[in-house]
C-alpha atoms as a PDB file:
ATOM      1  CA  UNK A   1      81.393  83.286  15.117  1.00  0.00           C
ATOM      2  CA  UNK A   2      84.143  83.326  12.486  1.00  0.00           C
ATOM      3  CA  UNK A   3      85.770  86.351  14.115  1.00  0.00           C
ATOM      4  CA  UNK A   4      85.844  84.567  17.470  1.00  0.00           C
ATOM      5  CA  UNK A   5      87.463  81.503  15.938  1.00  0.00           C
ATOM      6  CA  UNK A   6      90.166  83.553  14.214  1.00  0.00           C
ATOM      7  CA  UNK A   7      90.819  85.388  17.455  1.00  0.00           C
ATOM      8  CA  UNK A   8      91.131  82.058  19.267  1.00  0.00           C
ATOM      9  CA  UNK A   9      93.608  80.804  16.666  1.00  0.00           C
ATOM     10  CA  UNK A  10      95.878  83.690  17.611  1.00  0.00           C
ATOM     11  CA  UNK A  11      95.428  83.521  21.373  1.00  0.00           C
ATOM     12  CA  UNK A  12      94.954  79.886  22.379  1.00  0.00           C
ATOM     13  CA  UNK A  13      97.752  77.596  23.404  1.00  0.00           C
ATOM     14  CA  UNK A  14      99.245  75.299  20.811  1.00  0.00           C
ATOM     15  CA  UNK A  15      97.404  72.322  22.295  1.00  0.00           C
ATOM     16  CA  UNK A  16      93.998  73.926  21.662  1.00  0.00           C
ATOM     17  CA  UNK A  17      94.800  75.506  18.303  1.00  0.00           C
ATOM     18  CA  UNK A  18      94.182  72.281  16.391  1.00  0.00           C
ATOM     19  CA  UNK A  19      90.640  72.035  17.794  1.00  0.00           C
ATOM     20  CA  UNK A  20      89.950  75.689  16.977  1.00  0.00           C
ATOM     21  CA  UNK A  21      91.393  75.210  13.486  1.00  0.00           C
ATOM     22  CA  UNK A  22      89.105  72.234  12.853  1.00  0.00           C
ATOM     23  CA  UNK A  23      86.100  74.251  14.034  1.00  0.00           C
ATOM     24  CA  UNK A  24      87.090  77.087  11.702  1.00  0.00           C
ATOM     25  CA  UNK A  25      87.332  74.714   8.750  1.00  0.00           C
ATOM     26  CA  UNK A  26      83.940  73.204   9.615  1.00  0.00           C
ATOM     27  CA  UNK A  27      82.413  76.670   9.696  1.00  0.00           C
ATOM     28  CA  UNK A  28      83.188  77.099   5.996  1.00  0.00           C
ATOM     29  CA  UNK A  29      80.182  74.982   5.033  1.00  0.00           C
ATOM     30  CA  UNK A  30      77.927  77.346   6.982  1.00  0.00           C
ATOM     31  CA  UNK A  31      78.908  80.166   4.650  1.00  0.00           C
ATOM     32  CA  UNK A  32      78.168  78.251   1.466  1.00  0.00           C
ATOM     33  CA  UNK A  33      75.428  80.104  -0.376  1.00  0.00           C
ATOM     34  CA  UNK A  34      75.618  83.099   1.949  1.00  0.00           C
ATOM     35  CA  UNK A  35      74.624  86.554   0.646  1.00  0.00           C
ATOM     36  CA  UNK A  36      77.334  88.555  -1.105  1.00  0.00           C
ATOM     37  CA  UNK A  37      77.610  91.072   1.756  1.00  0.00           C
ATOM     38  CA  UNK A  38      78.334  88.274   4.236  1.00  0.00           C
ATOM     39  CA  UNK A  39      80.925  86.744   1.920  1.00  0.00           C
ATOM     40  CA  UNK A  40      82.619  90.119   1.490  1.00  0.00           C
ATOM     41  CA  UNK A  41      82.796  90.573   5.269  1.00  0.00           C
ATOM     42  CA  UNK A  42      84.245  87.080   5.577  1.00  0.00           C
ATOM     43  CA  UNK A  43      86.827  87.872   2.900  1.00  0.00           C
ATOM     44  CA  UNK A  44      87.946  90.952   4.843  1.00  0.00           C
ATOM     45  CA  UNK A  45      88.183  88.872   8.008  1.00  0.00           C
ATOM     46  CA  UNK A  46      90.233  86.198   6.256  1.00  0.00           C
ATOM     47  CA  UNK A  47      92.621  88.731   4.735  1.00  0.00           C
ATOM     48  CA  UNK A  48      93.039  90.558   8.034  1.00  0.00           C
ATOM     49  CA  UNK A  49      93.837  87.361   9.915  1.00  0.00           C
ATOM     50  CA  UNK A  50      96.113  85.908   7.266  1.00  0.00           C
ATOM     51  CA  UNK A  51      98.440  88.893   7.656  1.00  0.00           C
ATOM     52  CA  UNK A  52      99.050  88.354  11.362  1.00  0.00           C
ATOM     53  CA  UNK A  53     102.749  87.947  12.096  1.00  0.00           C
END
């Protein structure tokens, strides 16, 4: 789910990006207390998507 949201942040029109961004922020609570392996995968995803130019 997180990967799809990050992909949408890159590809959606400006008018939809705000909605996708809010959904991405809301998803953060779903990962609270997640196993270490899941958090590590999420960290990699965050780092990969924060480097997009």
